[in-house]
């Protein structure tokens, strides 16, 4: 039986001034799944997830979380409802320690009572962060900062975690570890909405994927099926 959707996006439109980056975009994310948005630079992927997470206000359309309308809700409200965005570029607090960065992620009312438990959980997932809990975030490597950004997102106790270009700038070895981590988080019950430039590895782990062009869905299907799609192979896989 197909899981009920935790996220439903219908007719979403988002603009920067008079220029629309997303038009009439619709897709859904089943609870417990991994869904990917793929496409070239400028396709509207980051704008879409920012609108869902409350960082941008849609011009039109509906966004439902577990059946409740949330279009136009701000970031704090979305975090309270269980949606966490790990943004492109990591955006850790460079002058704060690892420990302080993590605690910032757990400040919302949903997670604040469980900070100690959640710290223990993320340090189990990321032993390197436990070893460096007193190190400044800005002094860490790119891979370590990406770990920290994801761990900070986990501190908010998300039902839905949105990952925007998490592999960007990572060494190939770390990219493989990252995708393994995403699958592990999903196996622990966190629904994943993934925006990624690494199309091959993304489609290998995604239950379903949507291909965006100019802010619209032009193709969708199971991740494994899209790996063999002629358009996807030519546009993104070099075949």
Protein backbone atom coordinates (compact mmCIF):
# COMPACT_ATOMS: atom_id res chain seq x y z
CA UNK A 1 0.00 0.00 0.00
CA UNK A 2 1.34 3.46 -0.92
CA UNK A 3 2.03 5.70 2.06
CA UNK A 4 -0.12 8.80 2.48
CA UNK A 5 1.65 12.02 1.48
CA UNK A 6 3.24 14.08 4.25
CA UNK A 7 3.75 16.94 1.76
CA UNK A 8 1.51 17.99 -1.13
CA UNK A 9 2.42 20.87 -3.43
CA UNK A 10 -0.20 22.01 -5.91
CA UNK A 11 0.05 24.81 -8.48
CA UNK A 12 2.98 26.49 -6.70
CA UNK A 13 4.19 29.79 -8.14
CA UNK A 14 7.13 31.76 -6.73
CA UNK A 15 8.64 34.96 -8.13
CA UNK A 16 11.50 37.37 -7.58
CA UNK A 17 9.81 40.67 -8.31
CA UNK A 18 8.16 40.29 -11.70
CA UNK A 19 10.26 37.26 -12.70
CA UNK A 20 8.69 33.88 -11.93
CA UNK A 21 11.18 31.17 -10.94
CA UNK A 22 8.48 28.55 -10.33
CA UNK A 23 5.15 28.25 -12.16
CA UNK A 24 2.27 25.84 -11.60
CA UNK A 25 4.47 23.27 -9.86
CA UNK A 26 2.83 20.19 -8.35
CA UNK A 27 4.28 17.13 -6.63
CA UNK A 28 3.89 15.09 -3.46
CA UNK A 29 6.16 13.38 -0.93
CA UNK A 30 4.90 10.17 0.73
CA UNK A 31 5.54 9.80 4.43
CA UNK A 32 8.68 7.74 5.02
CA UNK A 33 9.98 8.12 1.48
CA UNK A 34 12.86 9.78 -0.34
CA UNK A 35 11.73 12.14 -3.09
CA UNK A 36 14.17 14.05 -5.29
CA UNK A 37 13.93 17.24 -7.31
CA UNK A 38 16.51 17.28 -10.10
CA UNK A 39 17.25 19.66 -12.92
CA UNK A 40 19.83 22.03 -14.29
CA UNK A 41 20.93 25.24 -12.58
CA UNK A 42 18.10 27.77 -12.68
CA UNK A 43 15.37 25.14 -12.92
CA UNK A 44 13.70 26.40 -9.74
CA UNK A 45 14.70 23.65 -7.31
CA UNK A 46 16.11 25.83 -4.53
CA UNK A 47 13.30 28.37 -4.89
CA UNK A 48 10.77 25.55 -4.53
CA UNK A 49 12.20 24.16 -1.30
CA UNK A 50 12.67 27.64 0.16
CA UNK A 51 8.98 28.34 -0.45
CA UNK A 52 8.01 25.05 1.17
CA UNK A 53 10.21 25.70 4.20
CA UNK A 54 8.88 29.23 4.72
CA UNK A 55 11.95 31.17 3.56
CA UNK A 56 10.02 32.60 0.58
CA UNK A 57 6.35 33.42 0.20
CA UNK A 58 4.54 31.81 -2.75
CA UNK A 59 2.60 33.99 -5.17
CA UNK A 60 0.06 31.23 -5.71
CA UNK A 61 -0.61 27.57 -5.05
CA UNK A 62 -1.17 25.25 -2.12
CA UNK A 63 1.27 23.55 0.22
CA UNK A 64 -0.17 20.96 2.59
CA UNK A 65 1.75 19.27 5.38
CA UNK A 66 0.03 16.16 6.73
CA UNK A 67 -3.20 17.54 5.26
CA UNK A 68 -2.92 21.02 6.82
CA UNK A 69 -2.55 24.08 4.60
CA UNK A 70 0.80 25.78 5.30
CA UNK A 71 1.45 27.91 2.19
CA UNK A 72 2.83 31.25 3.37
CA UNK A 73 3.80 30.02 6.86
CA UNK A 74 7.17 31.37 8.03
CA UNK A 75 10.28 29.33 8.79
CA UNK A 76 9.67 29.20 12.54
CA UNK A 77 6.17 27.82 12.03
CA UNK A 78 7.39 25.19 9.57
CA UNK A 79 10.12 24.06 11.95
CA UNK A 80 7.52 23.84 14.72
CA UNK A 81 5.45 21.62 12.44
CA UNK A 82 8.42 19.35 11.81
CA UNK A 83 9.98 20.63 8.57
CA UNK A 84 13.72 21.32 8.55
CA UNK A 85 15.65 22.79 5.61
CA UNK A 86 19.39 22.16 5.39
CA UNK A 87 20.24 24.94 2.94
CA UNK A 88 22.63 24.98 0.02
CA UNK A 89 26.04 26.16 1.18
CA UNK A 90 25.65 24.70 4.71
CA UNK A 91 25.50 28.12 6.44
CA UNK A 92 26.93 26.98 9.76
CA UNK A 93 27.62 29.69 12.33
CA UNK A 94 31.39 30.12 11.83
CA UNK A 95 32.19 31.80 15.16
CA UNK A 96 30.20 29.27 17.19
CA UNK A 97 31.50 25.90 18.32
CA UNK A 98 30.10 22.63 17.02
CA UNK A 99 28.20 22.22 20.28
CA UNK A 100 26.74 25.73 20.04
CA UNK A 101 25.74 25.23 16.41
CA UNK A 102 23.90 22.05 17.32
CA UNK A 103 22.11 23.63 20.25
CA UNK A 104 20.91 26.42 17.96
CA UNK A 105 19.17 23.78 15.88
CA UNK A 106 17.23 22.55 18.89
CA UNK A 107 15.83 25.87 20.14
CA UNK A 108 12.31 25.43 18.79
CA UNK A 109 9.54 24.52 21.22
CA UNK A 110 9.12 21.10 19.60
CA UNK A 111 12.70 20.01 20.31
CA UNK A 112 13.94 22.18 23.19
CA UNK A 113 12.90 19.77 25.98
CA UNK A 114 14.96 17.00 24.33
CA UNK A 115 18.25 18.78 23.65
CA UNK A 116 20.37 16.40 25.73
CA UNK A 117 18.85 13.31 24.13
CA UNK A 118 19.14 14.78 20.63
CA UNK A 119 22.77 15.77 21.16
CA UNK A 120 23.57 12.21 22.15
CA UNK A 121 21.80 10.98 19.02
CA UNK A 122 23.68 13.22 16.60
CA UNK A 123 27.02 12.50 18.26
CA UNK A 124 26.32 8.80 17.77
CA UNK A 125 25.55 9.44 14.09
CA UNK A 126 28.54 11.76 13.68
CA UNK A 127 31.41 10.66 15.95
CA UNK A 128 33.68 13.24 14.32
CA UNK A 129 31.44 16.02 15.58
CA UNK A 130 31.59 14.57 19.07
CA UNK A 131 35.38 14.66 18.90
CA UNK A 132 35.30 18.29 17.77
CA UNK A 133 32.39 19.63 19.76
CA UNK A 134 34.49 22.57 21.03
CA UNK A 135 35.92 23.49 17.61
CA UNK A 136 34.63 26.57 15.79
CA UNK A 137 32.30 25.70 12.92
CA UNK A 138 34.12 28.00 10.50
CA UNK A 139 37.43 26.21 11.02
CA UNK A 140 36.11 22.82 9.87
CA UNK A 141 36.51 21.27 6.41
CA UNK A 142 33.69 21.38 3.88
CA UNK A 143 32.70 17.80 4.58
CA UNK A 144 32.69 18.39 8.33
CA UNK A 145 30.59 21.53 7.90
CA UNK A 146 28.07 19.53 5.85
CA UNK A 147 27.88 16.95 8.65
CA UNK A 148 27.34 19.79 11.11
CA UNK A 149 24.59 21.36 9.00
CA UNK A 150 22.71 18.05 8.74
CA UNK A 151 23.22 17.31 12.42
CA UNK A 152 21.94 20.78 13.33
CA UNK A 153 18.85 20.06 11.25
CA UNK A 154 18.31 16.79 13.11
CA UNK A 155 18.35 18.65 16.41
CA UNK A 156 14.96 20.13 15.42
CA UNK A 157 13.39 16.62 15.40
CA UNK A 158 12.12 16.86 11.80
CA UNK A 159 9.39 14.73 10.29
CA UNK A 160 10.42 16.04 6.88
CA UNK A 161 14.05 16.97 6.19
CA UNK A 162 14.76 19.02 3.07
CA UNK A 163 18.35 18.75 1.85
CA UNK A 164 19.39 21.35 -0.72
CA UNK A 165 22.52 20.32 -2.68
CA UNK A 166 24.17 18.50 0.24
CA UNK A 167 26.99 17.01 -1.88
CA UNK A 168 28.03 20.33 -3.43
CA UNK A 169 31.79 20.81 -3.10
CA UNK A 170 32.47 17.48 -1.38
CA UNK A 171 35.22 15.05 -2.35
CA UNK A 172 33.96 11.91 -4.15
CA UNK A 173 34.63 9.67 -1.13
CA UNK A 174 32.54 11.92 1.10
CA UNK A 175 29.73 12.03 -1.47
CA UNK A 176 29.29 8.27 -1.14
CA UNK A 177 29.24 8.54 2.64
CA UNK A 178 26.66 11.33 2.43
CA UNK A 179 24.24 9.29 0.34
CA UNK A 180 24.64 6.40 2.77
CA UNK A 181 23.80 8.77 5.62
CA UNK A 182 20.68 10.00 3.83
CA UNK A 183 19.48 6.42 3.48
CA UNK A 184 20.23 5.77 7.15
CA UNK A 185 18.22 8.81 8.26
CA UNK A 186 15.36 7.70 6.06
CA UNK A 187 15.56 4.22 7.57
CA UNK A 188 15.12 5.81 11.00
CA UNK A 189 11.79 7.27 9.91
CA UNK A 190 12.67 10.71 8.55
CA UNK A 191 11.04 11.61 5.25
CA UNK A 192 13.55 13.17 2.83
CA UNK A 193 13.04 15.77 0.10
CA UNK A 194 16.35 15.95 -1.74
CA UNK A 195 17.61 18.58 -4.19
CA UNK A 196 20.84 17.36 -5.75
CA UNK A 197 23.28 17.98 -8.59
CA UNK A 198 24.53 14.39 -8.41
CA UNK A 199 21.69 12.97 -10.46
CA UNK A 200 22.95 9.40 -10.78
CA UNK A 201 23.38 8.71 -7.08
CA UNK A 202 20.22 10.64 -6.27
CA UNK A 203 18.07 8.53 -8.57
CA UNK A 204 19.64 5.38 -7.18
CA UNK A 205 18.25 6.12 -3.70
CA UNK A 206 15.07 8.09 -4.52
CA UNK A 207 11.71 6.35 -4.35
CA UNK A 208 10.39 8.99 -6.73
CA UNK A 209 11.92 11.92 -8.58
CA UNK A 210 10.67 14.98 -10.42
CA UNK A 211 12.67 16.64 -13.20
CA UNK A 212 12.26 20.42 -13.27
CA UNK A 213 12.81 22.81 -16.19
CA UNK A 214 12.10 26.53 -15.92
CA UNK A 215 10.11 26.05 -12.73
CA UNK A 216 7.85 23.29 -14.00
CA UNK A 217 7.81 19.49 -13.73
CA UNK A 218 8.61 18.02 -17.14
CA UNK A 219 9.12 14.39 -16.11
CA UNK A 220 8.50 12.23 -13.05
CA UNK A 221 8.71 8.62 -12.02
CA UNK A 222 10.46 6.11 -9.80
CA UNK A 223 14.11 6.99 -9.37
CA UNK A 224 15.24 3.66 -10.81
CA UNK A 225 13.04 4.15 -13.88
CA UNK A 226 14.36 7.65 -14.56
CA UNK A 227 17.92 6.30 -14.57
CA UNK A 228 17.03 4.56 -17.84
CA UNK A 229 14.98 7.40 -19.32
CA UNK A 230 16.55 8.69 -22.57
CA UNK A 231 15.97 12.36 -21.70
CA UNK A 232 17.53 12.00 -18.24
CA UNK A 233 20.47 10.01 -19.59
CA UNK A 234 21.21 12.63 -22.25
CA UNK A 235 20.60 15.72 -20.10
CA UNK A 236 22.20 14.65 -16.82
CA UNK A 237 24.15 11.40 -17.16
CA UNK A 238 26.22 12.10 -20.25
CA UNK A 239 24.76 9.36 -22.44
